[in-house]
Amino acid sequence: MNKCPFCGAYNVGPMNLPEGQHILLQTVNDDGNINIGAGYKVDLVACGSCKNMWLHSDGITAGKPEV
């Protein structure tokens, strides 16, 4: 992702995390039970101009997941 979706600046990049660490967007079912280990590995991306942050993953697809 090269352009900020908020301000349009090209001053964006992934946030640095400790070596070997990743962000997991966790899932939870309708009963409130957390599905440990299930979720999406995502990058936290930030804009150096407007200071907004967002999540990004090349592996996420739109729509309802297949069962």
Protein backbone atom coordinates (compact mmCIF):
# COMPACT_ATOMS: atom_id res chain seq x y z
CA MET A 1 0.00 0.00 0.00
CA ASN A 2 1.71 3.14 -1.20
CA LYS A 3 -0.92 5.85 -0.77
CA CYS A 4 -2.81 6.97 2.34
CA PRO A 5 -6.56 6.31 1.94
CA PHE A 6 -7.29 9.25 4.28
CA CYS A 7 -5.18 12.16 3.00
CA GLY A 8 -3.70 10.82 -0.25
CA ALA A 9 -0.06 11.25 0.83
CA TYR A 10 2.58 8.77 -0.30
CA ASN A 11 4.33 8.91 3.10
CA VAL A 12 3.05 5.51 4.33
CA GLY A 13 4.57 2.29 5.57
CA PRO A 14 4.15 -0.65 7.94
CA MET A 15 4.69 -0.04 11.66
CA ASN A 16 7.79 -1.71 13.06
CA LEU A 17 7.08 -4.56 15.47
CA PRO A 18 9.54 -6.54 17.56
CA GLU A 19 11.40 -9.24 15.59
CA GLY A 20 9.15 -12.23 14.91
CA GLN A 21 5.99 -10.46 16.15
CA HIS A 22 2.81 -10.06 14.11
CA ILE A 23 -0.67 -8.61 14.61
CA LEU A 24 -3.59 -11.05 14.59
CA LEU A 25 -7.09 -9.76 13.95
CA GLN A 26 -8.93 -12.21 16.20
CA THR A 27 -12.37 -13.68 15.50
CA VAL A 28 -15.22 -14.31 17.93
CA ASN A 29 -18.46 -16.24 17.39
CA ASP A 30 -22.01 -15.02 18.07
CA ASP A 31 -21.90 -16.50 21.60
CA GLY A 32 -18.89 -14.35 22.48
CA ASN A 33 -16.42 -17.24 22.44
CA ILE A 34 -13.01 -16.22 21.16
CA ASN A 35 -11.60 -18.57 18.53
CA ILE A 36 -8.03 -18.77 19.81
CA GLY A 37 -5.61 -19.04 16.92
CA ALA A 38 -8.25 -18.26 14.31
CA GLY A 39 -8.10 -14.90 12.62
CA TYR A 40 -6.19 -12.87 10.07
CA LYS A 41 -2.52 -11.94 10.20
CA VAL A 42 -2.45 -8.24 9.33
CA ASP A 43 0.01 -5.39 8.97
CA LEU A 44 -0.48 -2.13 10.85
CA VAL A 45 0.18 0.61 8.30
CA ALA A 46 0.60 4.29 9.19
CA CYS A 47 0.74 7.61 7.37
CA GLY A 48 3.57 9.91 8.38
CA SER A 49 1.61 12.94 7.15
CA CYS A 50 -1.85 12.69 8.75
CA LYS A 51 -0.87 10.11 11.43
CA ASN A 52 -3.81 7.79 10.67
CA MET A 53 -3.27 4.03 10.95
CA TRP A 54 -5.09 1.11 9.34
CA LEU A 55 -4.90 -2.65 8.98
CA HIS A 56 -3.85 -4.31 5.74
CA SER A 57 -3.52 -7.92 4.58
CA ASP A 58 -2.94 -9.28 1.10
CA GLY A 59 -4.65 -12.54 2.19
CA ILE A 60 -8.07 -11.10 3.13
CA THR A 61 -10.83 -11.42 0.57
CA ALA A 62 -14.16 -9.62 0.56
CA GLY A 63 -17.39 -11.48 1.15
CA LYS A 64 -18.52 -14.28 3.39
CA PRO A 65 -15.92 -17.02 4.02
CA GLU A 66 -16.73 -20.50 2.74
CA VAL A 67 -17.77 -23.03 5.38
